[in-house]
Amino acid sequence: MKRNAGNRCIRSGPRLERVEGGEETVITPDGKPVVRLVPDQDECDRSKAEAAAERIRVRERNLKAGEVHWEALRADRDAGRP
């Protein structure tokens, strides 16, 4: 469930201000992480994405095993796998 900044639990205070400034904050009641507040990112870093794509192309050229299955790689990427 998404909650906006109008909700009393995050409406004010230094945590939200730090997140707005670009810092990630983890809320850990009783020492157990339960919430991670991260700055919103509208766009990805295109230069990092292009560099990653180039690394994949280089690996493809160096493979002896044959063809790279791009759909499988994209599925792994989208699933958050390294």
N, C-alpha and C. Protein backbone atom coordinates (compact mmCIF):
# COMPACT_ATOMS: atom_id res chain seq x y z
N MET A 1 0.84 -1.17 0.00
CA MET A 1 0.00 0.00 0.00
C MET A 1 0.89 1.24 0.00
N LYS A 2 0.64 2.13 -0.94
CA LYS A 2 1.40 3.37 -0.98
C LYS A 2 0.74 4.39 -0.08
N ARG A 3 1.57 5.18 0.58
CA ARG A 3 1.06 6.27 1.40
C ARG A 3 1.78 7.53 1.00
N ASN A 4 1.06 8.62 0.99
CA ASN A 4 1.71 9.87 0.60
C ASN A 4 2.21 10.62 1.82
N ALA A 5 2.90 11.71 1.58
CA ALA A 5 3.50 12.47 2.67
C ALA A 5 2.45 13.12 3.56
N GLY A 6 1.20 13.14 3.13
CA GLY A 6 0.13 13.67 3.98
C GLY A 6 -0.22 12.74 5.13
N ASN A 7 0.25 11.51 5.07
CA ASN A 7 -0.01 10.56 6.14
C ASN A 7 0.79 10.96 7.37
N ARG A 8 0.18 10.91 8.52
CA ARG A 8 0.79 11.40 9.75
C ARG A 8 2.13 10.75 10.06
N CYS A 9 2.32 9.49 9.72
CA CYS A 9 3.55 8.79 10.11
C CYS A 9 4.79 9.32 9.40
N ILE A 10 4.65 9.92 8.21
CA ILE A 10 5.83 10.43 7.52
C ILE A 10 5.67 11.89 7.11
N ARG A 11 4.68 12.57 7.65
CA ARG A 11 4.37 13.92 7.21
C ARG A 11 5.50 14.90 7.50
N SER A 12 6.13 14.78 8.62
CA SER A 12 7.15 15.75 8.98
C SER A 12 8.35 15.05 9.59
N GLY A 13 9.39 15.79 9.76
CA GLY A 13 10.55 15.26 10.45
C GLY A 13 11.76 15.12 9.57
N PRO A 14 12.87 14.86 10.23
CA PRO A 14 14.15 14.82 9.52
C PRO A 14 14.30 13.64 8.57
N ARG A 15 13.60 12.52 8.83
CA ARG A 15 13.74 11.37 7.93
C ARG A 15 13.31 11.72 6.52
N LEU A 16 12.12 12.29 6.40
CA LEU A 16 11.62 12.63 5.08
C LEU A 16 12.49 13.69 4.43
N GLU A 17 12.97 14.64 5.20
CA GLU A 17 13.85 15.68 4.65
C GLU A 17 15.15 15.09 4.12
N ARG A 18 15.70 14.09 4.84
CA ARG A 18 16.94 13.45 4.36
C ARG A 18 16.69 12.68 3.06
N VAL A 19 15.54 12.01 2.99
CA VAL A 19 15.21 11.27 1.76
C VAL A 19 15.02 12.24 0.61
N GLU A 20 14.35 13.35 0.86
CA GLU A 20 14.19 14.36 -0.18
C GLU A 20 15.54 14.90 -0.65
N GLY A 21 16.53 14.88 0.22
CA GLY A 21 17.88 15.33 -0.12
C GLY A 21 18.71 14.27 -0.82
N GLY A 22 18.14 13.09 -1.06
CA GLY A 22 18.86 12.06 -1.80
C GLY A 22 19.36 10.90 -0.96
N GLU A 23 19.13 10.92 0.33
CA GLU A 23 19.64 9.88 1.22
C GLU A 23 18.61 8.76 1.38
N GLU A 24 19.08 7.53 1.45
CA GLU A 24 18.21 6.39 1.75
C GLU A 24 18.12 6.24 3.26
N THR A 25 16.92 5.97 3.76
CA THR A 25 16.71 5.82 5.20
C THR A 25 16.00 4.50 5.47
N VAL A 26 16.48 3.74 6.44
CA VAL A 26 15.85 2.48 6.83
C VAL A 26 15.28 2.66 8.24
N ILE A 27 14.01 2.34 8.39
CA ILE A 27 13.35 2.42 9.69
C ILE A 27 13.42 1.04 10.33
N THR A 28 14.01 0.99 11.55
CA THR A 28 14.27 -0.29 12.19
C THR A 28 13.76 -0.31 13.63
N PRO A 29 12.46 -0.43 13.82
CA PRO A 29 11.99 -0.57 15.19
C PRO A 29 12.46 -1.92 15.76
N ASP A 30 12.89 -1.91 16.97
CA ASP A 30 13.40 -3.12 17.64
C ASP A 30 14.56 -3.75 16.89
N GLY A 31 15.31 -2.95 16.12
CA GLY A 31 16.48 -3.46 15.43
C GLY A 31 16.19 -4.26 14.17
N LYS A 32 14.92 -4.38 13.78
CA LYS A 32 14.55 -5.15 12.60
C LYS A 32 14.12 -4.19 11.49
N PRO A 33 14.81 -4.21 10.35
CA PRO A 33 14.42 -3.30 9.25
C PRO A 33 13.02 -3.64 8.75
N VAL A 34 12.15 -2.63 8.71
CA VAL A 34 10.79 -2.87 8.24
C VAL A 34 10.40 -1.95 7.08
N VAL A 35 11.05 -0.80 6.97
CA VAL A 35 10.72 0.14 5.91
C VAL A 35 12.01 0.76 5.38
N ARG A 36 12.08 0.87 4.06
CA ARG A 36 13.21 1.55 3.43
C ARG A 36 12.64 2.70 2.62
N LEU A 37 13.04 3.92 2.97
CA LEU A 37 12.63 5.11 2.24
C LEU A 37 13.76 5.49 1.30
N VAL A 38 13.45 5.59 0.01
CA VAL A 38 14.46 5.94 -0.98
C VAL A 38 13.96 7.11 -1.81
N PRO A 39 14.86 7.95 -2.31
CA PRO A 39 14.45 9.05 -3.16
C PRO A 39 13.82 8.52 -4.45
N ASP A 40 12.84 9.22 -4.94
CA ASP A 40 12.19 8.86 -6.19
C ASP A 40 13.13 9.14 -7.34
N GLN A 41 13.22 8.21 -8.28
CA GLN A 41 14.06 8.40 -9.46
C GLN A 41 13.17 8.29 -10.70
N ASP A 42 12.99 9.39 -11.38
CA ASP A 42 12.13 9.40 -12.56
C ASP A 42 12.78 8.71 -13.75
N GLU A 43 14.08 8.82 -13.86
CA GLU A 43 14.77 8.25 -15.02
C GLU A 43 15.99 7.45 -14.57
N CYS A 44 16.36 6.50 -15.39
CA CYS A 44 17.59 5.76 -15.11
C CYS A 44 18.78 6.55 -15.64
N ASP A 45 19.94 6.19 -15.21
CA ASP A 45 21.17 6.82 -15.70
C ASP A 45 21.51 6.17 -17.04
N ARG A 46 21.25 6.88 -18.11
CA ARG A 46 21.42 6.32 -19.45
C ARG A 46 22.84 5.86 -19.71
N SER A 47 23.83 6.59 -19.21
CA SER A 47 25.22 6.19 -19.46
C SER A 47 25.53 4.85 -18.79
N LYS A 48 24.99 4.62 -17.60
CA LYS A 48 25.20 3.32 -16.93
C LYS A 48 24.51 2.20 -17.69
N ALA A 49 23.30 2.47 -18.19
CA ALA A 49 22.57 1.46 -18.96
C ALA A 49 23.31 1.11 -20.25
N GLU A 50 23.82 2.13 -20.93
CA GLU A 50 24.58 1.89 -22.17
C GLU A 50 25.86 1.11 -21.89
N ALA A 51 26.53 1.43 -20.78
CA ALA A 51 27.76 0.71 -20.42
C ALA A 51 27.45 -0.75 -20.12
N ALA A 52 26.34 -1.00 -19.43
CA ALA A 52 25.95 -2.38 -19.13
C ALA A 52 25.63 -3.15 -20.41
N ALA A 53 24.94 -2.50 -21.34
CA ALA A 53 24.62 -3.15 -22.61
C ALA A 53 25.89 -3.48 -23.39
N GLU A 54 26.85 -2.58 -23.36
CA GLU A 54 28.11 -2.84 -24.05
C GLU A 54 28.86 -4.01 -23.41
N ARG A 55 28.85 -4.09 -22.08
CA ARG A 55 29.49 -5.24 -21.41
C ARG A 55 28.83 -6.55 -21.83
N ILE A 56 27.52 -6.53 -21.99
CA ILE A 56 26.81 -7.74 -22.44
C ILE A 56 27.23 -8.08 -23.86
N ARG A 57 27.33 -7.08 -24.73
CA ARG A 57 27.75 -7.34 -26.12
C ARG A 57 29.16 -7.92 -26.18
N VAL A 58 30.06 -7.39 -25.36
CA VAL A 58 31.43 -7.91 -25.33
C VAL A 58 31.43 -9.37 -24.86
N ARG A 59 30.65 -9.66 -23.83
CA ARG A 59 30.57 -11.05 -23.36
C ARG A 59 30.01 -11.95 -24.45
N GLU A 60 29.01 -11.46 -25.17
CA GLU A 60 28.43 -12.25 -26.26
C GLU A 60 29.48 -12.59 -27.30
N ARG A 61 30.28 -11.60 -27.68
CA ARG A 61 31.32 -11.84 -28.69
C ARG A 61 32.37 -12.84 -28.19
N ASN A 62 32.61 -12.85 -26.90
CA ASN A 62 33.65 -13.72 -26.34
C ASN A 62 33.15 -15.12 -25.98
N LEU A 63 31.86 -15.33 -26.07
CA LEU A 63 31.31 -16.64 -25.72
C LEU A 63 31.67 -17.69 -26.77
N LYS A 64 32.00 -18.85 -26.30
CA LYS A 64 32.25 -19.97 -27.20
C LYS A 64 31.00 -20.85 -27.29
N ALA A 65 30.06 -20.62 -26.39
CA ALA A 65 28.89 -21.49 -26.27
C ALA A 65 27.83 -21.21 -27.33
N GLY A 66 27.96 -20.11 -28.04
CA GLY A 66 26.97 -19.85 -29.08
C GLY A 66 26.19 -18.57 -28.83
N GLU A 67 25.00 -18.57 -29.32
CA GLU A 67 24.14 -17.39 -29.35
C GLU A 67 23.63 -16.99 -27.96
N VAL A 68 23.53 -15.68 -27.74
CA VAL A 68 22.93 -15.16 -26.51
C VAL A 68 21.43 -15.05 -26.72
N HIS A 69 20.68 -15.49 -25.76
CA HIS A 69 19.22 -15.43 -25.82
C HIS A 69 18.78 -14.15 -25.12
N TRP A 70 18.58 -13.09 -25.91
CA TRP A 70 18.31 -11.76 -25.36
C TRP A 70 17.04 -11.72 -24.52
N GLU A 71 16.02 -12.44 -24.92
CA GLU A 71 14.76 -12.42 -24.14
C GLU A 71 15.00 -13.00 -22.74
N ALA A 72 15.81 -14.05 -22.64
CA ALA A 72 16.12 -14.63 -21.34
C ALA A 72 16.94 -13.65 -20.50
N LEU A 73 17.89 -12.96 -21.12
CA LEU A 73 18.68 -11.96 -20.39
C LEU A 73 17.79 -10.82 -19.89
N ARG A 74 16.88 -10.37 -20.74
CA ARG A 74 15.97 -9.29 -20.32
C ARG A 74 15.07 -9.75 -19.18
N ALA A 75 14.60 -10.97 -19.24
CA ALA A 75 13.76 -11.51 -18.18
C ALA A 75 14.53 -11.56 -16.87
N ASP A 76 15.79 -12.00 -16.92
CA ASP A 76 16.62 -12.03 -15.72
C ASP A 76 16.84 -10.63 -15.18
N ARG A 77 17.14 -9.69 -16.07
CA ARG A 77 17.34 -8.30 -15.65
C ARG A 77 16.09 -7.75 -14.97
N ASP A 78 14.96 -7.98 -15.58
CA ASP A 78 13.71 -7.45 -15.04
C ASP A 78 13.31 -8.12 -13.73
N ALA A 79 13.79 -9.31 -13.51
CA ALA A 79 13.51 -10.02 -12.25
C ALA A 79 14.46 -9.57 -11.14
N GLY A 80 15.42 -8.68 -11.47
CA GLY A 80 16.34 -8.17 -10.46
C GLY A 80 17.56 -9.04 -10.23
N ARG A 81 17.80 -9.96 -11.10
CA ARG A 81 18.96 -10.83 -10.95
C ARG A 81 20.20 -10.16 -11.49
N PRO A 82 21.37 -10.51 -10.95
CA PRO A 82 22.62 -9.91 -11.46
C PRO A 82 22.95 -10.36 -12.86
